[in-house]
Amino acid sequence: MPSPPDDDHPSDESAEKIRRKERELAEAEDKLARRKRVADRLLILRVLLALVALVTGNPAYRWADRSIEWVMEHLRESE
């Protein structure tokens, strides 16, 4: 026969669920903040490459700019 459940057991489970949800929320917030930092850095790099491409006329910088734009689009889509 199974032992009778303790009175504290349901509250322990709910406390554990709350801790798990809080941990998941914190992890999601960290991931979102990390994505934002990456997107901001890519945007800065893209602006710099566009400026260099404008000044030098070198097509390699325009290609790099377009590549970064592609990466940024995929980051947005994966959110």
N, C-alpha and C. Protein backbone atom coordinates (compact mmCIF):
# COMPACT_ATOMS: atom_id res chain seq x y z
N MET A 1 0.83 -1.18 0.00
CA MET A 1 0.00 0.00 0.00
C MET A 1 0.88 1.25 0.00
N PRO A 2 0.50 2.22 -0.79
CA PRO A 2 1.29 3.45 -0.78
C PRO A 2 1.12 4.19 0.53
N SER A 3 2.17 4.88 0.91
CA SER A 3 2.12 5.64 2.16
C SER A 3 1.26 6.88 1.95
N PRO A 4 0.61 7.34 2.99
CA PRO A 4 -0.23 8.54 2.86
C PRO A 4 0.65 9.76 2.57
N PRO A 5 0.18 10.65 1.71
CA PRO A 5 1.00 11.81 1.38
C PRO A 5 1.13 12.76 2.57
N ASP A 6 2.29 13.35 2.69
CA ASP A 6 2.52 14.33 3.75
C ASP A 6 1.82 15.62 3.39
N ASP A 7 1.48 16.41 4.39
CA ASP A 7 0.83 17.70 4.14
C ASP A 7 1.78 18.67 3.46
N ASP A 8 3.09 18.54 3.70
CA ASP A 8 4.07 19.46 3.12
C ASP A 8 4.40 19.12 1.67
N HIS A 9 4.11 17.93 1.27
CA HIS A 9 4.50 17.48 -0.07
C HIS A 9 3.91 18.34 -1.21
N PRO A 10 2.62 18.64 -1.21
CA PRO A 10 2.08 19.48 -2.30
C PRO A 10 2.70 20.88 -2.32
N SER A 11 2.96 21.45 -1.16
CA SER A 11 3.56 22.78 -1.16
C SER A 11 5.00 22.72 -1.64
N ASP A 12 5.70 21.61 -1.37
CA ASP A 12 7.06 21.45 -1.88
C ASP A 12 7.06 21.38 -3.40
N GLU A 13 6.08 20.66 -3.95
CA GLU A 13 5.98 20.55 -5.40
C GLU A 13 5.68 21.91 -6.03
N SER A 14 4.78 22.65 -5.42
CA SER A 14 4.43 23.95 -5.99
C SER A 14 5.61 24.92 -5.85
N ALA A 15 6.35 24.85 -4.76
CA ALA A 15 7.53 25.70 -4.60
C ALA A 15 8.58 25.34 -5.65
N GLU A 16 8.73 24.05 -5.91
CA GLU A 16 9.68 23.61 -6.93
C GLU A 16 9.24 24.07 -8.31
N LYS A 17 7.94 24.00 -8.59
CA LYS A 17 7.43 24.48 -9.88
C LYS A 17 7.69 25.98 -10.03
N ILE A 18 7.49 26.72 -8.96
CA ILE A 18 7.73 28.16 -9.00
C ILE A 18 9.20 28.44 -9.26
N ARG A 19 10.08 27.73 -8.57
CA ARG A 19 11.53 27.92 -8.78
C ARG A 19 11.92 27.57 -10.22
N ARG A 20 11.34 26.49 -10.73
CA ARG A 20 11.65 26.08 -12.10
C ARG A 20 11.18 27.13 -13.11
N LYS A 21 9.96 27.65 -12.91
CA LYS A 21 9.44 28.69 -13.80
C LYS A 21 10.28 29.97 -13.71
N GLU A 22 10.69 30.34 -12.51
CA GLU A 22 11.54 31.52 -12.35
C GLU A 22 12.88 31.33 -13.05
N ARG A 23 13.46 30.13 -12.92
CA ARG A 23 14.72 29.83 -13.58
C ARG A 23 14.57 29.87 -15.10
N GLU A 24 13.47 29.30 -15.61
CA GLU A 24 13.22 29.33 -17.06
C GLU A 24 13.04 30.76 -17.55
N LEU A 25 12.34 31.57 -16.77
CA LEU A 25 12.14 32.97 -17.14
C LEU A 25 13.47 33.72 -17.15
N ALA A 26 14.29 33.49 -16.15
CA ALA A 26 15.61 34.15 -16.10
C ALA A 26 16.47 33.72 -17.28
N GLU A 27 16.44 32.44 -17.63
CA GLU A 27 17.21 31.96 -18.77
C GLU A 27 16.71 32.58 -20.07
N ALA A 28 15.40 32.71 -20.22
CA ALA A 28 14.84 33.32 -21.42
C ALA A 28 15.22 34.80 -21.51
N GLU A 29 15.20 35.49 -20.37
CA GLU A 29 15.61 36.90 -20.36
C GLU A 29 17.09 37.05 -20.71
N ASP A 30 17.92 36.14 -20.20
CA ASP A 30 19.35 36.18 -20.53
C ASP A 30 19.57 35.95 -22.02
N LYS A 31 18.84 34.99 -22.56
CA LYS A 31 18.98 34.69 -23.99
C LYS A 31 18.54 35.88 -24.84
N LEU A 32 17.46 36.52 -24.45
CA LEU A 32 16.97 37.69 -25.18
C LEU A 32 17.98 38.84 -25.10
N ALA A 33 18.54 39.07 -23.94
CA ALA A 33 19.54 40.13 -23.77
C ALA A 33 20.78 39.83 -24.61
N ARG A 34 21.20 38.56 -24.65
CA ARG A 34 22.36 38.17 -25.45
C ARG A 34 22.09 38.41 -26.94
N ARG A 35 20.90 38.05 -27.40
CA ARG A 35 20.55 38.28 -28.80
C ARG A 35 20.56 39.77 -29.14
N LYS A 36 20.05 40.57 -28.21
CA LYS A 36 20.03 42.01 -28.45
C LYS A 36 21.45 42.57 -28.54
N ARG A 37 22.34 42.11 -27.65
CA ARG A 37 23.73 42.58 -27.72
C ARG A 37 24.39 42.18 -29.05
N VAL A 38 24.14 40.96 -29.48
CA VAL A 38 24.70 40.50 -30.76
C VAL A 38 24.14 41.33 -31.90
N ALA A 39 22.85 41.56 -31.90
CA ALA A 39 22.22 42.36 -32.97
C ALA A 39 22.77 43.78 -32.98
N ASP A 40 22.96 44.37 -31.79
CA ASP A 40 23.51 45.73 -31.72
C ASP A 40 24.93 45.77 -32.27
N ARG A 41 25.73 44.78 -31.93
CA ARG A 41 27.12 44.75 -32.43
C ARG A 41 27.16 44.53 -33.94
N LEU A 42 26.28 43.68 -34.43
CA LEU A 42 26.22 43.47 -35.88
C LEU A 42 25.80 44.74 -36.60
N LEU A 43 24.88 45.48 -36.02
CA LEU A 43 24.44 46.73 -36.63
C LEU A 43 25.59 47.74 -36.69
N ILE A 44 26.35 47.84 -35.62
CA ILE A 44 27.51 48.75 -35.61
C ILE A 44 28.52 48.32 -36.67
N LEU A 45 28.79 47.03 -36.74
CA LEU A 45 29.73 46.53 -37.74
C LEU A 45 29.22 46.80 -39.15
N ARG A 46 27.93 46.64 -39.32
CA ARG A 46 27.33 46.89 -40.64
C ARG A 46 27.47 48.35 -41.06
N VAL A 47 27.25 49.26 -40.13
CA VAL A 47 27.40 50.69 -40.44
C VAL A 47 28.85 51.00 -40.79
N LEU A 48 29.78 50.45 -40.02
CA LEU A 48 31.20 50.68 -40.31
C LEU A 48 31.58 50.15 -41.69
N LEU A 49 31.12 48.95 -42.00
CA LEU A 49 31.43 48.38 -43.31
C LEU A 49 30.80 49.20 -44.44
N ALA A 50 29.61 49.70 -44.23
CA ALA A 50 28.96 50.53 -45.25
C ALA A 50 29.75 51.82 -45.47
N LEU A 51 30.24 52.39 -44.38
CA LEU A 51 31.06 53.61 -44.52
C LEU A 51 32.36 53.34 -45.25
N VAL A 52 33.02 52.25 -44.90
CA VAL A 52 34.28 51.90 -45.58
C VAL A 52 34.02 51.61 -47.05
N ALA A 53 32.91 50.91 -47.34
CA ALA A 53 32.57 50.62 -48.73
C ALA A 53 32.32 51.90 -49.50
N LEU A 54 31.68 52.86 -48.87
CA LEU A 54 31.40 54.14 -49.52
C LEU A 54 32.69 54.89 -49.81
N VAL A 55 33.60 54.90 -48.85
CA VAL A 55 34.85 55.65 -49.00
C VAL A 55 35.79 54.97 -50.00
N THR A 56 35.93 53.64 -49.88
CA THR A 56 36.91 52.95 -50.72
C THR A 56 36.35 52.48 -52.05
N GLY A 57 35.05 52.22 -52.09
CA GLY A 57 34.46 51.68 -53.30
C GLY A 57 34.76 50.21 -53.50
N ASN A 58 35.36 49.58 -52.51
CA ASN A 58 35.71 48.16 -52.61
C ASN A 58 34.45 47.30 -52.45
N PRO A 59 34.14 46.45 -53.44
CA PRO A 59 32.92 45.63 -53.38
C PRO A 59 32.96 44.58 -52.27
N ALA A 60 34.12 44.23 -51.78
CA ALA A 60 34.20 43.24 -50.70
C ALA A 60 33.50 43.75 -49.44
N TYR A 61 33.59 45.04 -49.19
CA TYR A 61 32.93 45.61 -48.02
C TYR A 61 31.41 45.61 -48.19
N ARG A 62 30.95 45.85 -49.42
CA ARG A 62 29.51 45.78 -49.66
C ARG A 62 29.01 44.34 -49.49
N TRP A 63 29.81 43.37 -49.95
CA TRP A 63 29.44 41.97 -49.79
C TRP A 63 29.38 41.62 -48.30
N ALA A 64 30.34 42.08 -47.52
CA ALA A 64 30.34 41.81 -46.08
C ALA A 64 29.13 42.46 -45.42
N ASP A 65 28.79 43.65 -45.85
CA ASP A 65 27.62 44.35 -45.32
C ASP A 65 26.35 43.55 -45.59
N ARG A 66 26.21 43.06 -46.81
CA ARG A 66 25.03 42.25 -47.16
C ARG A 66 25.01 40.94 -46.37
N SER A 67 26.17 40.37 -46.14
CA SER A 67 26.24 39.13 -45.36
C SER A 67 25.77 39.35 -43.92
N ILE A 68 26.19 40.45 -43.34
CA ILE A 68 25.76 40.77 -41.98
C ILE A 68 24.26 41.04 -41.96
N GLU A 69 23.75 41.70 -42.98
CA GLU A 69 22.31 41.94 -43.07
C GLU A 69 21.55 40.62 -43.10
N TRP A 70 22.06 39.65 -43.84
CA TRP A 70 21.46 38.33 -43.92
C TRP A 70 21.44 37.66 -42.54
N VAL A 71 22.54 37.74 -41.82
CA VAL A 71 22.62 37.16 -40.48
C VAL A 71 21.61 37.82 -39.55
N MET A 72 21.51 39.14 -39.64
CA MET A 72 20.57 39.87 -38.78
C MET A 72 19.12 39.47 -39.08
N GLU A 73 18.80 39.27 -40.35
CA GLU A 73 17.45 38.83 -40.72
C GLU A 73 17.14 37.46 -40.12
N HIS A 74 18.11 36.57 -40.18
CA HIS A 74 17.90 35.23 -39.62
C HIS A 74 17.79 35.27 -38.10
N LEU A 75 18.48 36.17 -37.47
CA LEU A 75 18.34 36.32 -36.02
C LEU A 75 16.92 36.78 -35.68
N ARG A 76 16.41 37.75 -36.44
CA ARG A 76 15.05 38.24 -36.20
C ARG A 76 14.02 37.15 -36.44
N GLU A 77 14.21 36.36 -37.49
CA GLU A 77 13.26 35.31 -37.82
C GLU A 77 13.25 34.20 -36.77
N SER A 78 14.39 33.94 -36.16
CA SER A 78 14.46 32.85 -35.20
C SER A 78 13.91 33.22 -33.83
N GLU A 79 13.59 34.47 -33.62
CA GLU A 79 12.99 34.88 -32.35
C GLU A 79 11.60 34.41 -32.33
